[in-house]
Amino acid sequence: MAEDCNNEIIAYSIVEIMTTRNIPILKERKFVYIDDLCVSSNHRKKGVGRMLFRHIVDYAKKSGYDALELTVWEFNSDAIKFYESLGMTTRNRRMELKI
């Protein structure tokens, strides 16, 4: 969580510690999953999100986790660009068929 000088929350993140399911073809690993990372609209493009993301990365490294993962909606091009600028790459894609 990040606060401004008036103690108002300007950004927050919710993270989960995850492990792979017990599936024989998957290598067992522990990772940090960013469930939500949000920066107040009037504080975007000021480095707040980058600072919060780096804090999560530092936590994951110090705690010995294998990776950091998150889900981003395909239509959210600004978020995709943001995460790519931080070094994240696409790991897999979730697809749907509307019926």
N, C-alpha and C. Protein backbone atom coordinates (compact mmCIF):
# COMPACT_ATOMS: atom_id res chain seq x y z
N MET A 1 0.85 -1.16 0.00
CA MET A 1 0.00 0.00 0.00
C MET A 1 0.90 1.23 0.00
N ALA A 2 0.50 2.26 -0.73
CA ALA A 2 1.22 3.53 -0.76
C ALA A 2 0.26 4.65 -0.39
N GLU A 3 0.75 5.57 0.41
CA GLU A 3 -0.06 6.71 0.84
C GLU A 3 0.62 8.00 0.43
N ASP A 4 -0.17 9.05 0.23
CA ASP A 4 0.39 10.37 -0.06
C ASP A 4 0.65 11.10 1.25
N CYS A 5 1.05 12.35 1.17
CA CYS A 5 1.39 13.12 2.38
C CYS A 5 0.18 13.40 3.27
N ASN A 6 -1.03 13.21 2.74
CA ASN A 6 -2.26 13.38 3.53
C ASN A 6 -2.76 12.06 4.10
N ASN A 7 -1.93 11.01 4.03
CA ASN A 7 -2.26 9.67 4.49
C ASN A 7 -3.42 9.05 3.72
N GLU A 8 -3.65 9.51 2.49
CA GLU A 8 -4.66 8.90 1.63
C GLU A 8 -4.00 7.80 0.81
N ILE A 9 -4.69 6.68 0.69
CA ILE A 9 -4.16 5.57 -0.10
C ILE A 9 -4.18 5.95 -1.57
N ILE A 10 -3.01 5.87 -2.22
CA ILE A 10 -2.91 6.19 -3.64
C ILE A 10 -2.62 4.96 -4.49
N ALA A 11 -2.23 3.86 -3.84
CA ALA A 11 -1.95 2.62 -4.57
C ALA A 11 -1.98 1.46 -3.59
N TYR A 12 -2.34 0.30 -4.11
CA TYR A 12 -2.31 -0.91 -3.28
C TYR A 12 -2.10 -2.12 -4.16
N SER A 13 -1.71 -3.21 -3.54
CA SER A 13 -1.59 -4.47 -4.24
C SER A 13 -2.00 -5.60 -3.31
N ILE A 14 -2.62 -6.60 -3.88
CA ILE A 14 -2.97 -7.81 -3.15
C ILE A 14 -2.18 -8.94 -3.79
N VAL A 15 -1.40 -9.64 -2.98
CA VAL A 15 -0.59 -10.74 -3.51
C VAL A 15 -0.92 -12.03 -2.77
N GLU A 16 -0.69 -13.13 -3.45
CA GLU A 16 -0.90 -14.46 -2.86
C GLU A 16 0.37 -15.28 -3.07
N ILE A 17 0.67 -16.12 -2.12
CA ILE A 17 1.77 -17.06 -2.27
C ILE A 17 1.16 -18.34 -2.83
N MET A 18 1.67 -18.78 -3.97
CA MET A 18 1.07 -19.91 -4.68
C MET A 18 2.10 -21.04 -4.86
N THR A 19 1.59 -22.23 -5.01
CA THR A 19 2.40 -23.38 -5.42
C THR A 19 1.67 -24.07 -6.56
N THR A 20 2.43 -24.73 -7.41
CA THR A 20 1.79 -25.45 -8.51
C THR A 20 0.99 -26.62 -7.94
N ARG A 21 -0.07 -26.94 -8.64
CA ARG A 21 -0.88 -28.09 -8.22
C ARG A 21 -0.08 -29.37 -8.43
N ASN A 22 -0.46 -30.40 -7.76
CA ASN A 22 0.24 -31.67 -7.86
C ASN A 22 -0.12 -32.37 -9.17
N ILE A 23 0.46 -31.89 -10.25
CA ILE A 23 0.24 -32.47 -11.58
C ILE A 23 1.60 -32.99 -12.05
N PRO A 24 1.69 -34.30 -12.33
CA PRO A 24 3.00 -34.92 -12.63
C PRO A 24 3.82 -34.23 -13.73
N ILE A 25 3.18 -33.65 -14.73
CA ILE A 25 3.96 -33.05 -15.82
C ILE A 25 4.48 -31.65 -15.48
N LEU A 26 4.04 -31.07 -14.36
CA LEU A 26 4.48 -29.74 -13.96
C LEU A 26 5.58 -29.83 -12.91
N LYS A 27 6.59 -29.00 -13.09
CA LYS A 27 7.64 -28.89 -12.08
C LYS A 27 7.08 -28.15 -10.87
N GLU A 28 7.33 -28.68 -9.70
CA GLU A 28 6.83 -28.03 -8.49
C GLU A 28 7.57 -26.72 -8.28
N ARG A 29 6.82 -25.67 -7.98
CA ARG A 29 7.44 -24.38 -7.73
C ARG A 29 6.54 -23.52 -6.87
N LYS A 30 7.15 -22.54 -6.21
CA LYS A 30 6.43 -21.58 -5.39
C LYS A 30 6.62 -20.21 -6.02
N PHE A 31 5.52 -19.46 -6.12
CA PHE A 31 5.63 -18.14 -6.74
C PHE A 31 4.67 -17.16 -6.08
N VAL A 32 4.92 -15.90 -6.32
CA VAL A 32 4.06 -14.83 -5.83
C VAL A 32 3.12 -14.44 -6.96
N TYR A 33 1.84 -14.39 -6.66
CA TYR A 33 0.83 -14.03 -7.65
C TYR A 33 0.24 -12.67 -7.26
N ILE A 34 0.35 -11.70 -8.17
CA ILE A 34 -0.26 -10.40 -7.93
C ILE A 34 -1.72 -10.51 -8.35
N ASP A 35 -2.60 -10.53 -7.36
CA ASP A 35 -4.03 -10.63 -7.62
C ASP A 35 -4.59 -9.28 -8.06
N ASP A 36 -4.02 -8.20 -7.53
CA ASP A 36 -4.49 -6.87 -7.89
C ASP A 36 -3.37 -5.88 -7.63
N LEU A 37 -3.19 -4.95 -8.54
CA LEU A 37 -2.27 -3.84 -8.36
C LEU A 37 -2.97 -2.62 -8.94
N CYS A 38 -3.25 -1.65 -8.10
CA CYS A 38 -4.05 -0.51 -8.53
C CYS A 38 -3.41 0.78 -8.04
N VAL A 39 -3.36 1.77 -8.95
CA VAL A 39 -2.88 3.10 -8.62
C VAL A 39 -4.00 4.08 -8.92
N SER A 40 -4.27 4.96 -7.98
CA SER A 40 -5.30 5.99 -8.16
C SER A 40 -5.05 6.73 -9.48
N SER A 41 -6.11 7.01 -10.22
CA SER A 41 -5.97 7.60 -11.55
C SER A 41 -5.19 8.91 -11.55
N ASN A 42 -5.32 9.72 -10.51
CA ASN A 42 -4.59 10.99 -10.50
C ASN A 42 -3.15 10.85 -10.02
N HIS A 43 -2.69 9.62 -9.73
CA HIS A 43 -1.30 9.38 -9.34
C HIS A 43 -0.58 8.48 -10.33
N ARG A 44 -1.21 8.17 -11.45
CA ARG A 44 -0.56 7.34 -12.46
C ARG A 44 0.49 8.13 -13.22
N LYS A 45 1.43 7.40 -13.80
CA LYS A 45 2.53 7.99 -14.59
C LYS A 45 3.48 8.83 -13.72
N LYS A 46 3.52 8.51 -12.42
CA LYS A 46 4.41 9.24 -11.50
C LYS A 46 5.40 8.29 -10.82
N GLY A 47 5.42 7.01 -11.22
CA GLY A 47 6.36 6.06 -10.65
C GLY A 47 5.84 5.30 -9.45
N VAL A 48 4.61 5.57 -9.03
CA VAL A 48 4.07 4.90 -7.85
C VAL A 48 3.87 3.40 -8.11
N GLY A 49 3.28 3.07 -9.25
CA GLY A 49 3.06 1.66 -9.58
C GLY A 49 4.37 0.90 -9.73
N ARG A 50 5.34 1.54 -10.36
CA ARG A 50 6.67 0.94 -10.54
C ARG A 50 7.32 0.68 -9.18
N MET A 51 7.20 1.64 -8.26
CA MET A 51 7.76 1.49 -6.92
C MET A 51 7.09 0.32 -6.18
N LEU A 52 5.77 0.25 -6.27
CA LEU A 52 5.03 -0.83 -5.61
C LEU A 52 5.41 -2.18 -6.20
N PHE A 53 5.50 -2.24 -7.53
CA PHE A 53 5.89 -3.48 -8.20
C PHE A 53 7.29 -3.91 -7.76
N ARG A 54 8.23 -2.99 -7.72
CA ARG A 54 9.61 -3.32 -7.30
C ARG A 54 9.64 -3.81 -5.86
N HIS A 55 8.79 -3.25 -5.01
CA HIS A 55 8.70 -3.71 -3.63
C HIS A 55 8.26 -5.18 -3.59
N ILE A 56 7.29 -5.54 -4.42
CA ILE A 56 6.81 -6.92 -4.47
C ILE A 56 7.90 -7.84 -5.00
N VAL A 57 8.63 -7.40 -6.03
CA VAL A 57 9.74 -8.19 -6.58
C VAL A 57 10.79 -8.42 -5.50
N ASP A 58 11.16 -7.38 -4.78
CA ASP A 58 12.16 -7.52 -3.71
C ASP A 58 11.70 -8.50 -2.65
N TYR A 59 10.43 -8.43 -2.27
CA TYR A 59 9.87 -9.36 -1.29
C TYR A 59 9.98 -10.80 -1.81
N ALA A 60 9.60 -11.02 -3.06
CA ALA A 60 9.64 -12.36 -3.65
C ALA A 60 11.07 -12.91 -3.67
N LYS A 61 12.02 -12.06 -4.05
CA LYS A 61 13.42 -12.50 -4.09
C LYS A 61 13.93 -12.85 -2.70
N LYS A 62 13.69 -11.97 -1.73
CA LYS A 62 14.17 -12.21 -0.37
C LYS A 62 13.54 -13.45 0.25
N SER A 63 12.31 -13.76 -0.17
CA SER A 63 11.60 -14.90 0.41
C SER A 63 11.88 -16.20 -0.32
N GLY A 64 12.65 -16.15 -1.41
CA GLY A 64 13.07 -17.37 -2.10
C GLY A 64 12.04 -17.94 -3.07
N TYR A 65 11.14 -17.14 -3.58
CA TYR A 65 10.15 -17.65 -4.53
C TYR A 65 10.74 -17.71 -5.94
N ASP A 66 10.17 -18.58 -6.77
CA ASP A 66 10.69 -18.83 -8.11
C ASP A 66 10.34 -17.73 -9.11
N ALA A 67 9.18 -17.11 -8.94
CA ALA A 67 8.70 -16.18 -9.97
C ALA A 67 7.61 -15.29 -9.40
N LEU A 68 7.24 -14.33 -10.22
CA LEU A 68 6.14 -13.42 -9.93
C LEU A 68 5.19 -13.51 -11.12
N GLU A 69 3.91 -13.74 -10.85
CA GLU A 69 2.93 -13.87 -11.92
C GLU A 69 1.73 -12.99 -11.66
N LEU A 70 0.99 -12.69 -12.73
CA LEU A 70 -0.25 -11.95 -12.62
C LEU A 70 -1.08 -12.23 -13.86
N THR A 71 -2.32 -11.81 -13.82
CA THR A 71 -3.21 -11.91 -14.97
C THR A 71 -3.58 -10.49 -15.38
N VAL A 72 -3.55 -10.24 -16.67
CA VAL A 72 -3.96 -8.93 -17.18
C VAL A 72 -4.91 -9.17 -18.34
N TRP A 73 -5.99 -8.40 -18.38
CA TRP A 73 -6.98 -8.55 -19.45
C TRP A 73 -6.37 -8.11 -20.79
N GLU A 74 -6.68 -8.83 -21.82
CA GLU A 74 -6.15 -8.56 -23.15
C GLU A 74 -6.50 -7.15 -23.65
N PHE A 75 -7.65 -6.63 -23.28
CA PHE A 75 -8.06 -5.30 -23.73
C PHE A 75 -7.34 -4.17 -22.98
N ASN A 76 -6.65 -4.49 -21.90
CA ASN A 76 -6.01 -3.47 -21.07
C ASN A 76 -4.58 -3.21 -21.58
N SER A 77 -4.51 -2.56 -22.72
CA SER A 77 -3.20 -2.36 -23.36
C SER A 77 -2.26 -1.50 -22.52
N ASP A 78 -2.78 -0.54 -21.78
CA ASP A 78 -1.91 0.28 -20.92
C ASP A 78 -1.24 -0.58 -19.85
N ALA A 79 -2.01 -1.47 -19.24
CA ALA A 79 -1.44 -2.34 -18.20
C ALA A 79 -0.43 -3.30 -18.82
N ILE A 80 -0.73 -3.84 -19.98
CA ILE A 80 0.20 -4.75 -20.65
C ILE A 80 1.53 -4.04 -20.92
N LYS A 81 1.46 -2.83 -21.45
CA LYS A 81 2.68 -2.05 -21.71
C LYS A 81 3.45 -1.78 -20.41
N PHE A 82 2.71 -1.45 -19.36
CA PHE A 82 3.34 -1.19 -18.06
C PHE A 82 4.10 -2.41 -17.57
N TYR A 83 3.44 -3.58 -17.56
CA TYR A 83 4.10 -4.79 -17.06
C TYR A 83 5.25 -5.22 -17.96
N GLU A 84 5.11 -5.06 -19.27
CA GLU A 84 6.21 -5.38 -20.17
C GLU A 84 7.40 -4.45 -19.92
N SER A 85 7.15 -3.18 -19.61
CA SER A 85 8.24 -2.24 -19.33
C SER A 85 9.00 -2.63 -18.06
N LEU A 86 8.37 -3.42 -17.21
CA LEU A 86 8.99 -3.89 -15.97
C LEU A 86 9.68 -5.24 -16.16
N GLY A 87 9.68 -5.75 -17.41
CA GLY A 87 10.37 -7.01 -17.71
C GLY A 87 9.50 -8.24 -17.73
N MET A 88 8.21 -8.09 -17.54
CA MET A 88 7.33 -9.26 -17.55
C MET A 88 7.07 -9.71 -18.99
N THR A 89 6.89 -11.01 -19.16
CA THR A 89 6.58 -11.59 -20.46
C THR A 89 5.35 -12.48 -20.32
N THR A 90 4.73 -12.78 -21.45
CA THR A 90 3.55 -13.64 -21.44
C THR A 90 3.98 -15.09 -21.20
N ARG A 91 3.36 -15.73 -20.22
CA ARG A 91 3.67 -17.12 -19.89
C ARG A 91 2.67 -18.06 -20.55
N ASN A 92 1.40 -17.73 -20.50
CA ASN A 92 0.38 -18.55 -21.12
C ASN A 92 -0.80 -17.64 -21.47
N ARG A 93 -1.77 -18.20 -22.11
CA ARG A 93 -2.94 -17.42 -22.53
C ARG A 93 -4.18 -18.22 -22.17
N ARG A 94 -5.13 -17.56 -21.56
CA ARG A 94 -6.41 -18.18 -21.23
C ARG A 94 -7.38 -17.80 -22.33
N MET A 95 -8.05 -18.77 -22.91
CA MET A 95 -8.93 -18.52 -24.04
C MET A 95 -10.34 -18.96 -23.71
N GLU A 96 -11.30 -18.47 -24.49
CA GLU A 96 -12.70 -18.83 -24.28
C GLU A 96 -13.41 -18.99 -25.62
N LEU A 97 -14.50 -19.71 -25.57
CA LEU A 97 -15.42 -19.84 -26.70
C LEU A 97 -16.77 -19.47 -26.15
N LYS A 98 -17.35 -18.35 -26.64
CA LYS A 98 -18.66 -17.94 -26.16
C LYS A 98 -19.72 -18.82 -26.80
N ILE A 99 -20.62 -19.33 -25.97
CA ILE A 99 -21.70 -20.20 -26.48
C ILE A 99 -23.05 -19.69 -26.03
